[in-house]
Amino acid sequence: EIDLANMYLAGTLPDEISALFRLKLLALEHNALVGTVPFTIGNLQHLYWLSLSGNRMSGTLPSTLGYLGALENLYLDDNAFEGGLPANIGSCRNLRVLWLQNNNISGTVPEGLADIPLVELSLFNNNIVGSMPGSLCQQENGSDPTPVVAAATFLEADCLAVPEGAAQIECSCCTRCCNDQRCVDQASR
């Protein structure tokens, strides 16, 4: 395990991180790391916790994140990542927590996210558009369309309309909806 959170570290995450093939936890949040997530991150088959939150990292997220079969917690929030979410992120069959808020991620929410046991999903303050995949939301009363609840206990996205127009994401089951000005719990929407 490597936990170097809040240590004022600067620099990049090197490709050689993949040499630590038995690494289970990598916590580097709240440092001054820059650069991209290395493509070689997908070689860390035992990694169950990856936190790079609160750094200055950028670039696109590598598709090799989808190779992390043991991954349960992925925190990439509060950086400057861009581009779309890897289409194969749903291959992380044990993923329970996915925090991507406060980046520049664009595109749509991959359908594969609906196939994994997410408990927390945070996507707000990005450039993601479209609809939340239907199977991320589950009907509480079978065929009755109301009430709709999130399969995840915490699901937040840019689903709050702005005065100039519609919300970026349609999400009938989000527990918290945001726009560029504020966030509102669903109960008070």
N, C-alpha and C. Protein backbone atom coordinates (compact mmCIF):
# COMPACT_ATOMS: atom_id res chain seq x y z
N GLU A 1 0.84 -1.18 0.00
CA GLU A 1 0.00 0.00 0.00
C GLU A 1 0.88 1.24 0.00
N ILE A 2 0.48 2.23 -0.77
CA ILE A 2 1.17 3.52 -0.79
C ILE A 2 0.14 4.58 -0.47
N ASP A 3 0.30 5.24 0.67
CA ASP A 3 -0.56 6.34 1.06
C ASP A 3 0.31 7.56 1.31
N LEU A 4 0.36 8.44 0.33
CA LEU A 4 1.14 9.67 0.42
C LEU A 4 0.23 10.89 0.21
N ALA A 5 -0.96 10.81 0.76
CA ALA A 5 -1.92 11.91 0.66
C ALA A 5 -1.43 13.11 1.45
N ASN A 6 -1.72 14.29 0.93
CA ASN A 6 -1.42 15.55 1.64
C ASN A 6 0.05 15.69 2.01
N MET A 7 0.93 15.28 1.12
CA MET A 7 2.37 15.32 1.42
C MET A 7 3.12 16.37 0.60
N TYR A 8 2.40 17.24 -0.10
CA TYR A 8 3.01 18.30 -0.92
C TYR A 8 3.89 17.73 -2.03
N LEU A 9 3.56 16.56 -2.54
CA LEU A 9 4.32 15.95 -3.62
C LEU A 9 4.06 16.69 -4.92
N ALA A 10 5.10 16.84 -5.72
CA ALA A 10 4.99 17.45 -7.04
C ALA A 10 5.58 16.49 -8.06
N GLY A 11 5.25 16.72 -9.32
CA GLY A 11 5.78 15.87 -10.38
C GLY A 11 4.68 15.07 -11.03
N THR A 12 5.06 13.99 -11.70
CA THR A 12 4.11 13.16 -12.42
C THR A 12 4.06 11.76 -11.83
N LEU A 13 3.03 11.04 -12.18
CA LEU A 13 2.92 9.63 -11.80
C LEU A 13 3.63 8.84 -12.89
N PRO A 14 4.76 8.20 -12.58
CA PRO A 14 5.57 7.58 -13.63
C PRO A 14 4.97 6.28 -14.17
N ASP A 15 5.32 5.97 -15.42
CA ASP A 15 4.89 4.70 -16.03
C ASP A 15 5.36 3.51 -15.21
N GLU A 16 6.47 3.67 -14.54
CA GLU A 16 7.06 2.56 -13.78
C GLU A 16 6.22 2.13 -12.57
N ILE A 17 5.15 2.88 -12.29
CA ILE A 17 4.26 2.48 -11.20
C ILE A 17 3.74 1.07 -11.44
N SER A 18 3.67 0.67 -12.69
CA SER A 18 3.14 -0.66 -13.02
C SER A 18 4.06 -1.79 -12.56
N ALA A 19 5.31 -1.46 -12.23
CA ALA A 19 6.22 -2.49 -11.72
C ALA A 19 5.79 -2.97 -10.33
N LEU A 20 4.95 -2.18 -9.67
CA LEU A 20 4.45 -2.56 -8.34
C LEU A 20 3.17 -3.39 -8.53
N PHE A 21 3.29 -4.49 -9.26
CA PHE A 21 2.12 -5.25 -9.71
C PHE A 21 1.27 -5.81 -8.58
N ARG A 22 1.79 -5.89 -7.37
CA ARG A 22 1.00 -6.37 -6.23
C ARG A 22 0.38 -5.23 -5.42
N LEU A 23 0.55 -4.01 -5.89
CA LEU A 23 0.02 -2.84 -5.18
C LEU A 23 -1.49 -2.93 -5.07
N LYS A 24 -2.00 -2.68 -3.87
CA LYS A 24 -3.43 -2.77 -3.62
C LYS A 24 -4.07 -1.41 -3.40
N LEU A 25 -3.33 -0.47 -2.82
CA LEU A 25 -3.87 0.85 -2.52
C LEU A 25 -2.86 1.90 -2.95
N LEU A 26 -3.34 2.89 -3.71
CA LEU A 26 -2.51 4.02 -4.12
C LEU A 26 -3.29 5.29 -3.83
N ALA A 27 -2.90 5.98 -2.76
CA ALA A 27 -3.58 7.20 -2.32
C ALA A 27 -2.61 8.36 -2.43
N LEU A 28 -2.80 9.18 -3.45
CA LEU A 28 -1.92 10.33 -3.69
C LEU A 28 -2.73 11.63 -3.75
N GLU A 29 -3.88 11.64 -3.09
CA GLU A 29 -4.75 12.80 -3.17
C GLU A 29 -4.17 14.02 -2.45
N HIS A 30 -4.61 15.17 -2.93
CA HIS A 30 -4.26 16.47 -2.35
C HIS A 30 -2.75 16.71 -2.29
N ASN A 31 -2.15 16.58 -3.45
CA ASN A 31 -0.75 16.91 -3.65
C ASN A 31 -0.69 17.91 -4.81
N ALA A 32 0.42 18.00 -5.48
CA ALA A 32 0.57 18.91 -6.62
C ALA A 32 1.02 18.12 -7.85
N LEU A 33 0.47 16.93 -8.02
CA LEU A 33 0.83 16.10 -9.16
C LEU A 33 0.26 16.67 -10.46
N VAL A 34 1.03 16.56 -11.54
CA VAL A 34 0.61 17.02 -12.85
C VAL A 34 0.74 15.87 -13.84
N GLY A 35 0.39 16.13 -15.08
CA GLY A 35 0.53 15.10 -16.10
C GLY A 35 -0.70 14.22 -16.18
N THR A 36 -0.53 13.08 -16.79
CA THR A 36 -1.64 12.18 -17.06
C THR A 36 -1.58 10.92 -16.19
N VAL A 37 -2.68 10.19 -16.18
CA VAL A 37 -2.67 8.86 -15.57
C VAL A 37 -1.96 7.96 -16.57
N PRO A 38 -0.88 7.30 -16.16
CA PRO A 38 -0.14 6.48 -17.12
C PRO A 38 -0.96 5.32 -17.67
N PHE A 39 -0.76 5.03 -18.93
CA PHE A 39 -1.43 3.92 -19.61
C PHE A 39 -1.14 2.61 -18.88
N THR A 40 0.03 2.51 -18.28
CA THR A 40 0.45 1.28 -17.61
C THR A 40 -0.32 1.02 -16.31
N ILE A 41 -1.16 1.95 -15.88
CA ILE A 41 -1.93 1.76 -14.64
C ILE A 41 -2.77 0.48 -14.72
N GLY A 42 -3.15 0.08 -15.91
CA GLY A 42 -3.96 -1.11 -16.09
C GLY A 42 -3.26 -2.40 -15.73
N ASN A 43 -1.96 -2.36 -15.50
CA ASN A 43 -1.21 -3.55 -15.11
C ASN A 43 -1.34 -3.86 -13.62
N LEU A 44 -1.93 -2.95 -12.86
CA LEU A 44 -2.03 -3.13 -11.40
C LEU A 44 -3.30 -3.93 -11.07
N GLN A 45 -3.27 -5.20 -11.37
CA GLN A 45 -4.44 -6.07 -11.27
C GLN A 45 -4.97 -6.26 -9.85
N HIS A 46 -4.16 -5.98 -8.83
CA HIS A 46 -4.60 -6.14 -7.44
C HIS A 46 -5.08 -4.83 -6.82
N LEU A 47 -4.99 -3.74 -7.56
CA LEU A 47 -5.35 -2.42 -7.04
C LEU A 47 -6.84 -2.34 -6.78
N TYR A 48 -7.22 -2.07 -5.52
CA TYR A 48 -8.63 -1.92 -5.19
C TYR A 48 -8.97 -0.48 -4.83
N TRP A 49 -7.96 0.36 -4.60
CA TRP A 49 -8.19 1.75 -4.21
C TRP A 49 -7.22 2.64 -4.97
N LEU A 50 -7.75 3.59 -5.74
CA LEU A 50 -6.93 4.56 -6.46
C LEU A 50 -7.50 5.94 -6.21
N SER A 51 -6.72 6.80 -5.57
CA SER A 51 -7.16 8.16 -5.31
C SER A 51 -6.10 9.15 -5.78
N LEU A 52 -6.49 9.93 -6.79
CA LEU A 52 -5.65 11.01 -7.31
C LEU A 52 -6.37 12.35 -7.18
N SER A 53 -7.34 12.43 -6.30
CA SER A 53 -8.16 13.63 -6.11
C SER A 53 -7.31 14.84 -5.74
N GLY A 54 -7.79 16.01 -6.15
CA GLY A 54 -7.20 17.25 -5.67
C GLY A 54 -5.77 17.48 -6.09
N ASN A 55 -5.44 17.10 -7.29
CA ASN A 55 -4.11 17.37 -7.85
C ASN A 55 -4.30 18.32 -9.03
N ARG A 56 -3.33 18.37 -9.91
CA ARG A 56 -3.42 19.20 -11.12
C ARG A 56 -3.23 18.33 -12.35
N MET A 57 -3.72 17.10 -12.27
CA MET A 57 -3.55 16.16 -13.36
C MET A 57 -4.50 16.51 -14.50
N SER A 58 -4.13 16.10 -15.72
CA SER A 58 -4.92 16.46 -16.90
C SER A 58 -4.83 15.34 -17.94
N GLY A 59 -5.30 15.63 -19.14
CA GLY A 59 -5.28 14.65 -20.20
C GLY A 59 -6.50 13.76 -20.16
N THR A 60 -6.54 12.81 -21.06
CA THR A 60 -7.67 11.88 -21.09
C THR A 60 -7.41 10.70 -20.17
N LEU A 61 -8.48 10.11 -19.71
CA LEU A 61 -8.36 8.94 -18.85
C LEU A 61 -8.07 7.72 -19.72
N PRO A 62 -7.04 6.94 -19.37
CA PRO A 62 -6.67 5.82 -20.23
C PRO A 62 -7.71 4.69 -20.19
N SER A 63 -7.88 4.04 -21.32
CA SER A 63 -8.81 2.91 -21.39
C SER A 63 -8.37 1.77 -20.48
N THR A 64 -7.10 1.76 -20.11
CA THR A 64 -6.59 0.68 -19.26
C THR A 64 -7.16 0.72 -17.85
N LEU A 65 -7.83 1.81 -17.48
CA LEU A 65 -8.54 1.82 -16.19
C LEU A 65 -9.56 0.69 -16.16
N GLY A 66 -10.11 0.36 -17.30
CA GLY A 66 -11.08 -0.72 -17.39
C GLY A 66 -10.50 -2.10 -17.15
N TYR A 67 -9.17 -2.22 -17.10
CA TYR A 67 -8.52 -3.50 -16.84
C TYR A 67 -8.37 -3.79 -15.35
N LEU A 68 -8.72 -2.83 -14.52
CA LEU A 68 -8.50 -2.96 -13.07
C LEU A 68 -9.67 -3.72 -12.45
N GLY A 69 -9.67 -5.02 -12.60
CA GLY A 69 -10.78 -5.85 -12.15
C GLY A 69 -11.02 -5.85 -10.66
N ALA A 70 -10.00 -5.58 -9.85
CA ALA A 70 -10.16 -5.58 -8.40
C ALA A 70 -10.57 -4.20 -7.86
N LEU A 71 -10.58 -3.19 -8.73
CA LEU A 71 -10.81 -1.81 -8.30
C LEU A 71 -12.20 -1.65 -7.68
N GLU A 72 -12.24 -1.10 -6.46
CA GLU A 72 -13.49 -0.83 -5.76
C GLU A 72 -13.74 0.65 -5.59
N ASN A 73 -12.68 1.44 -5.43
CA ASN A 73 -12.82 2.88 -5.17
C ASN A 73 -11.90 3.64 -6.12
N LEU A 74 -12.49 4.54 -6.91
CA LEU A 74 -11.73 5.35 -7.86
C LEU A 74 -12.09 6.81 -7.67
N TYR A 75 -11.12 7.59 -7.18
CA TYR A 75 -11.30 9.01 -6.91
C TYR A 75 -10.38 9.81 -7.82
N LEU A 76 -10.96 10.45 -8.83
CA LEU A 76 -10.20 11.27 -9.77
C LEU A 76 -10.72 12.70 -9.80
N ASP A 77 -11.51 13.07 -8.81
CA ASP A 77 -12.14 14.37 -8.75
C ASP A 77 -11.14 15.51 -8.52
N ASP A 78 -11.58 16.71 -8.85
CA ASP A 78 -10.82 17.94 -8.61
C ASP A 78 -9.46 17.93 -9.30
N ASN A 79 -9.49 17.65 -10.59
CA ASN A 79 -8.31 17.72 -11.45
C ASN A 79 -8.73 18.46 -12.72
N ALA A 80 -8.06 18.20 -13.82
CA ALA A 80 -8.41 18.83 -15.10
C ALA A 80 -8.47 17.78 -16.20
N PHE A 81 -8.95 16.58 -15.87
CA PHE A 81 -9.08 15.53 -16.87
C PHE A 81 -10.09 15.95 -17.92
N GLU A 82 -9.87 15.51 -19.16
CA GLU A 82 -10.76 15.88 -20.25
C GLU A 82 -11.03 14.67 -21.13
N GLY A 83 -11.83 14.88 -22.14
CA GLY A 83 -12.20 13.77 -23.01
C GLY A 83 -13.30 12.95 -22.36
N GLY A 84 -13.66 11.86 -22.99
CA GLY A 84 -14.74 11.03 -22.49
C GLY A 84 -14.29 10.03 -21.44
N LEU A 85 -15.27 9.46 -20.78
CA LEU A 85 -14.99 8.37 -19.85
C LEU A 85 -14.63 7.14 -20.67
N PRO A 86 -13.68 6.34 -20.21
CA PRO A 86 -13.37 5.12 -20.97
C PRO A 86 -14.63 4.26 -21.12
N ALA A 87 -14.91 3.85 -22.34
CA ALA A 87 -16.12 3.06 -22.60
C ALA A 87 -16.13 1.75 -21.82
N ASN A 88 -14.94 1.24 -21.49
CA ASN A 88 -14.85 -0.05 -20.80
C ASN A 88 -14.79 0.10 -19.27
N ILE A 89 -15.12 1.26 -18.74
CA ILE A 89 -15.07 1.44 -17.28
C ILE A 89 -16.01 0.46 -16.58
N GLY A 90 -17.05 0.02 -17.27
CA GLY A 90 -17.96 -0.97 -16.71
C GLY A 90 -17.34 -2.35 -16.55
N SER A 91 -16.13 -2.52 -17.07
CA SER A 91 -15.41 -3.79 -16.88
C SER A 91 -14.83 -3.91 -15.48
N CYS A 92 -14.82 -2.82 -14.75
CA CYS A 92 -14.36 -2.84 -13.35
C CYS A 92 -15.52 -3.37 -12.51
N ARG A 93 -15.71 -4.66 -12.52
CA ARG A 93 -16.89 -5.31 -11.95
C ARG A 93 -17.06 -5.14 -10.45
N ASN A 94 -16.02 -4.71 -9.74
CA ASN A 94 -16.12 -4.52 -8.30
C ASN A 94 -16.22 -3.05 -7.90
N LEU A 95 -16.27 -2.15 -8.89
CA LEU A 95 -16.27 -0.72 -8.61
C LEU A 95 -17.51 -0.30 -7.85
N ARG A 96 -17.31 0.29 -6.69
CA ARG A 96 -18.41 0.73 -5.84
C ARG A 96 -18.47 2.24 -5.72
N VAL A 97 -17.32 2.92 -5.80
CA VAL A 97 -17.26 4.38 -5.66
C VAL A 97 -16.50 4.95 -6.86
N LEU A 98 -17.13 5.91 -7.55
CA LEU A 98 -16.51 6.58 -8.69
C LEU A 98 -16.78 8.07 -8.57
N TRP A 99 -15.74 8.82 -8.23
CA TRP A 99 -15.84 10.27 -8.10
C TRP A 99 -15.04 10.92 -9.22
N LEU A 100 -15.73 11.64 -10.09
CA LEU A 100 -15.11 12.33 -11.21
C LEU A 100 -15.48 13.81 -11.25
N GLN A 101 -16.12 14.32 -10.22
CA GLN A 101 -16.59 15.70 -10.23
C GLN A 101 -15.43 16.69 -10.36
N ASN A 102 -15.77 17.86 -10.87
CA ASN A 102 -14.83 18.98 -10.99
C ASN A 102 -13.64 18.66 -11.89
N ASN A 103 -13.95 18.24 -13.11
CA ASN A 103 -12.96 18.01 -14.16
C ASN A 103 -13.51 18.66 -15.43
N ASN A 104 -12.98 18.29 -16.57
CA ASN A 104 -13.47 18.77 -17.87
C ASN A 104 -13.88 17.58 -18.74
N ILE A 105 -14.40 16.54 -18.10
CA ILE A 105 -14.79 15.33 -18.81
C ILE A 105 -16.02 15.62 -19.67
N SER A 106 -16.03 15.08 -20.88
CA SER A 106 -17.12 15.34 -21.81
C SER A 106 -17.70 14.02 -22.30
N GLY A 107 -18.67 14.13 -23.19
CA GLY A 107 -19.30 12.94 -23.74
C GLY A 107 -20.52 12.53 -22.94
N THR A 108 -20.81 11.25 -22.96
CA THR A 108 -21.98 10.71 -22.26
C THR A 108 -21.54 9.72 -21.18
N VAL A 109 -22.47 9.33 -20.35
CA VAL A 109 -22.21 8.34 -19.31
C VAL A 109 -22.23 6.96 -19.98
N PRO A 110 -21.14 6.19 -19.89
CA PRO A 110 -21.12 4.88 -20.54
C PRO A 110 -22.19 3.94 -19.97
N GLU A 111 -22.87 3.24 -20.86
CA GLU A 111 -23.90 2.28 -20.46
C GLU A 111 -23.35 1.23 -19.50
N GLY A 112 -22.08 0.87 -19.65
CA GLY A 112 -21.48 -0.16 -18.81
C GLY A 112 -21.48 0.16 -17.33
N LEU A 113 -21.61 1.44 -16.97
CA LEU A 113 -21.66 1.78 -15.54
C LEU A 113 -22.88 1.19 -14.86
N ALA A 114 -23.91 0.92 -15.63
CA ALA A 114 -25.13 0.36 -15.06
C ALA A 114 -24.97 -1.11 -14.69
N ASP A 115 -23.90 -1.73 -15.14
CA ASP A 115 -23.70 -3.16 -14.90
C ASP A 115 -22.82 -3.47 -13.70
N ILE A 116 -22.40 -2.45 -12.98
CA ILE A 116 -21.50 -2.67 -11.84
C ILE A 116 -22.16 -2.19 -10.57
N PRO A 117 -21.70 -2.66 -9.41
CA PRO A 117 -22.39 -2.38 -8.14
C PRO A 117 -22.06 -1.02 -7.53
N LEU A 118 -22.21 0.06 -8.31
CA LEU A 118 -21.89 1.38 -7.79
C LEU A 118 -22.77 1.74 -6.59
N VAL A 119 -22.14 2.27 -5.57
CA VAL A 119 -22.84 2.81 -4.41
C VAL A 119 -22.79 4.33 -4.46
N GLU A 120 -21.67 4.88 -4.96
CA GLU A 120 -21.51 6.32 -5.10
C GLU A 120 -20.99 6.64 -6.49
N LEU A 121 -21.65 7.60 -7.15
CA LEU A 121 -21.23 8.08 -8.45
C LEU A 121 -21.39 9.59 -8.46
N SER A 122 -20.29 10.31 -8.66
CA SER A 122 -20.34 11.77 -8.69
C SER A 122 -19.72 12.26 -9.99
N LEU A 123 -20.52 12.95 -10.79
CA LEU A 123 -20.10 13.41 -12.11
C LEU A 123 -20.26 14.92 -12.30
N PHE A 124 -20.70 15.66 -11.29
CA PHE A 124 -21.06 17.06 -11.52
C PHE A 124 -19.84 17.93 -11.83
N ASN A 125 -20.14 19.08 -12.41
CA ASN A 125 -19.15 20.08 -12.83
C ASN A 125 -18.17 19.50 -13.85
N ASN A 126 -18.74 18.89 -14.88
CA ASN A 126 -18.02 18.39 -16.04
C ASN A 126 -18.80 18.86 -17.27
N ASN A 127 -18.50 18.30 -18.40
CA ASN A 127 -19.21 18.63 -19.64
C ASN A 127 -19.93 17.40 -20.18
N ILE A 128 -20.39 16.56 -19.29
CA ILE A 128 -21.10 15.33 -19.66
C ILE A 128 -22.54 15.68 -20.00
N VAL A 129 -23.06 15.09 -21.06
CA VAL A 129 -24.41 15.39 -21.53
C VAL A 129 -25.19 14.09 -21.74
N GLY A 130 -26.47 14.25 -22.01
CA GLY A 130 -27.31 13.09 -22.32
C GLY A 130 -28.13 12.64 -21.14
N SER A 131 -28.34 11.35 -21.06
CA SER A 131 -29.16 10.77 -19.99
C SER A 131 -28.34 9.80 -19.17
N MET A 132 -28.69 9.72 -17.91
CA MET A 132 -28.11 8.70 -17.06
C MET A 132 -28.64 7.36 -17.56
N PRO A 133 -27.78 6.35 -17.74
CA PRO A 133 -28.28 5.05 -18.22
C PRO A 133 -29.43 4.55 -17.35
N GLY A 134 -30.48 4.11 -18.02
CA GLY A 134 -31.70 3.71 -17.32
C GLY A 134 -31.49 2.69 -16.24
N SER A 135 -30.60 1.74 -16.46
CA SER A 135 -30.44 0.70 -15.45
C SER A 135 -29.61 1.16 -14.26
N LEU A 136 -29.05 2.39 -14.31
CA LEU A 136 -28.46 2.95 -13.09
C LEU A 136 -29.58 3.37 -12.14
N CYS A 137 -30.74 3.59 -12.71
CA CYS A 137 -31.93 3.91 -11.91
C CYS A 137 -32.78 2.65 -11.87
N GLN A 138 -33.34 2.35 -10.74
CA GLN A 138 -34.22 1.18 -10.69
C GLN A 138 -35.59 1.61 -10.22
N GLN A 139 -36.59 0.97 -10.76
CA GLN A 139 -37.96 1.27 -10.37
C GLN A 139 -38.23 0.63 -9.01
N GLU A 140 -38.78 1.39 -8.11
CA GLU A 140 -39.08 0.86 -6.79
C GLU A 140 -40.31 -0.04 -6.81
N ASN A 141 -41.24 0.25 -7.69
CA ASN A 141 -42.50 -0.49 -7.71
C ASN A 141 -42.72 -1.22 -9.02
N GLY A 142 -41.71 -1.95 -9.47
CA GLY A 142 -41.86 -2.73 -10.70
C GLY A 142 -42.19 -1.87 -11.90
N SER A 143 -43.37 -2.04 -12.49
CA SER A 143 -43.73 -1.30 -13.69
C SER A 143 -44.26 0.10 -13.39
N ASP A 144 -44.55 0.40 -12.14
CA ASP A 144 -45.01 1.74 -11.77
C ASP A 144 -43.88 2.74 -12.00
N PRO A 145 -44.09 3.76 -12.82
CA PRO A 145 -43.01 4.70 -13.12
C PRO A 145 -42.64 5.62 -11.96
N THR A 146 -43.41 5.63 -10.90
CA THR A 146 -43.06 6.46 -9.75
C THR A 146 -43.14 5.63 -8.49
N PRO A 147 -42.36 5.84 -7.49
CA PRO A 147 -41.19 6.71 -7.51
C PRO A 147 -39.98 5.98 -8.09
N VAL A 148 -39.10 6.74 -8.66
CA VAL A 148 -37.84 6.22 -9.18
C VAL A 148 -36.74 6.55 -8.18
N VAL A 149 -35.92 5.58 -7.87
CA VAL A 149 -34.82 5.81 -6.93
C VAL A 149 -33.52 5.35 -7.57
N ALA A 150 -32.44 5.88 -7.08
CA ALA A 150 -31.14 5.48 -7.59
C ALA A 150 -30.76 4.11 -7.05
N ALA A 151 -30.17 3.29 -7.91
CA ALA A 151 -29.61 2.03 -7.44
C ALA A 151 -28.45 2.34 -6.51
N ALA A 152 -27.70 3.40 -6.82
CA ALA A 152 -26.62 3.87 -5.97
C ALA A 152 -27.23 4.70 -4.84
N THR A 153 -26.60 4.70 -3.68
CA THR A 153 -27.12 5.50 -2.58
C THR A 153 -26.74 6.97 -2.71
N PHE A 154 -25.72 7.27 -3.51
CA PHE A 154 -25.29 8.64 -3.74
C PHE A 154 -25.00 8.79 -5.22
N LEU A 155 -25.83 9.53 -5.92
CA LEU A 155 -25.70 9.71 -7.36
C LEU A 155 -25.91 11.18 -7.66
N GLU A 156 -24.83 11.86 -8.09
CA GLU A 156 -24.96 13.29 -8.38
C GLU A 156 -24.38 13.61 -9.75
N ALA A 157 -25.06 14.54 -10.42
CA ALA A 157 -24.65 14.92 -11.77
C ALA A 157 -25.16 16.33 -12.05
N ASP A 158 -24.81 16.84 -13.23
CA ASP A 158 -25.27 18.16 -13.66
C ASP A 158 -26.67 18.03 -14.23
N CYS A 159 -27.63 17.72 -13.36
CA CYS A 159 -29.00 17.48 -13.79
C CYS A 159 -29.96 18.57 -13.33
N LEU A 160 -29.44 19.68 -12.83
CA LEU A 160 -30.26 20.81 -12.40
C LEU A 160 -30.29 21.84 -13.52
N ALA A 161 -31.49 22.20 -13.96
CA ALA A 161 -31.63 23.16 -15.05
C ALA A 161 -31.03 24.51 -14.68
N VAL A 162 -30.55 25.20 -15.68
CA VAL A 162 -30.01 26.55 -15.50
C VAL A 162 -31.01 27.54 -16.09
N PRO A 163 -30.98 28.81 -15.66
CA PRO A 163 -31.95 29.78 -16.19
C PRO A 163 -31.93 29.88 -17.72
N GLU A 164 -30.77 29.67 -18.34
CA GLU A 164 -30.66 29.80 -19.80
C GLU A 164 -31.19 28.59 -20.55
N GLY A 165 -31.45 27.48 -19.86
CA GLY A 165 -31.89 26.30 -20.60
C GLY A 165 -31.97 25.06 -19.74
N ALA A 166 -31.89 23.94 -20.41
CA ALA A 166 -32.08 22.64 -19.75
C ALA A 166 -30.81 22.19 -19.03
N ALA A 167 -30.98 21.18 -18.22
CA ALA A 167 -29.85 20.55 -17.54
C ALA A 167 -28.99 19.81 -18.55
N GLN A 168 -27.73 19.59 -18.22
CA GLN A 168 -26.83 18.87 -19.11
C GLN A 168 -27.16 17.39 -19.18
N ILE A 169 -27.57 16.81 -18.04
CA ILE A 169 -27.85 15.38 -17.96
C ILE A 169 -29.27 15.18 -17.46
N GLU A 170 -30.00 14.30 -18.11
CA GLU A 170 -31.31 13.89 -17.60
C GLU A 170 -31.09 12.77 -16.60
N CYS A 171 -31.60 12.96 -15.40
CA CYS A 171 -31.41 11.94 -14.37
C CYS A 171 -32.59 11.99 -13.41
N SER A 172 -33.49 11.07 -13.57
CA SER A 172 -34.68 11.04 -12.71
C SER A 172 -34.40 10.43 -11.35
N CYS A 173 -33.24 9.81 -11.17
CA CYS A 173 -32.98 9.11 -9.91
C CYS A 173 -31.78 9.68 -9.15
N CYS A 174 -31.22 10.79 -9.62
CA CYS A 174 -30.08 11.37 -8.90
C CYS A 174 -30.48 11.80 -7.50
N THR A 175 -29.62 11.57 -6.55
CA THR A 175 -29.89 12.00 -5.19
C THR A 175 -29.51 13.46 -4.99
N ARG A 176 -28.68 13.99 -5.93
CA ARG A 176 -28.27 15.39 -5.86
C ARG A 176 -28.05 15.89 -7.28
N CYS A 177 -28.69 17.01 -7.62
CA CYS A 177 -28.54 17.60 -8.94
C CYS A 177 -27.83 18.94 -8.83
N CYS A 178 -26.94 19.19 -9.78
CA CYS A 178 -26.13 20.41 -9.76
C CYS A 178 -26.21 21.12 -11.11
N ASN A 179 -25.82 22.39 -11.10
CA ASN A 179 -25.50 23.13 -12.31
C ASN A 179 -24.26 23.97 -11.98
N ASP A 180 -23.89 24.89 -12.82
CA ASP A 180 -22.65 25.64 -12.57
C ASP A 180 -22.77 26.63 -11.41
N GLN A 181 -23.98 26.77 -10.84
CA GLN A 181 -24.19 27.71 -9.76
C GLN A 181 -24.45 27.08 -8.40
N ARG A 182 -25.06 25.89 -8.40
CA ARG A 182 -25.41 25.29 -7.10
C ARG A 182 -25.76 23.82 -7.25
N CYS A 183 -25.87 23.15 -6.11
CA CYS A 183 -26.33 21.76 -6.05
C CYS A 183 -27.54 21.70 -5.12
N VAL A 184 -28.46 20.81 -5.45
CA VAL A 184 -29.69 20.69 -4.68
C VAL A 184 -29.96 19.21 -4.45
N ASP A 185 -30.26 18.84 -3.21
CA ASP A 185 -30.66 17.47 -2.92
C ASP A 185 -31.99 17.21 -3.60
N GLN A 186 -32.19 16.00 -4.09
CA GLN A 186 -33.39 15.70 -4.86
C GLN A 186 -34.66 15.96 -4.05
N ALA A 187 -34.63 15.68 -2.78
CA ALA A 187 -35.82 15.86 -1.94
C ALA A 187 -36.31 17.30 -1.98
N SER A 188 -35.40 18.28 -2.22
CA SER A 188 -35.82 19.68 -2.21
C SER A 188 -35.88 20.29 -3.61
N ARG A 189 -35.79 19.43 -4.66
CA ARG A 189 -35.88 19.94 -6.05
C ARG A 189 -37.25 20.37 -6.41
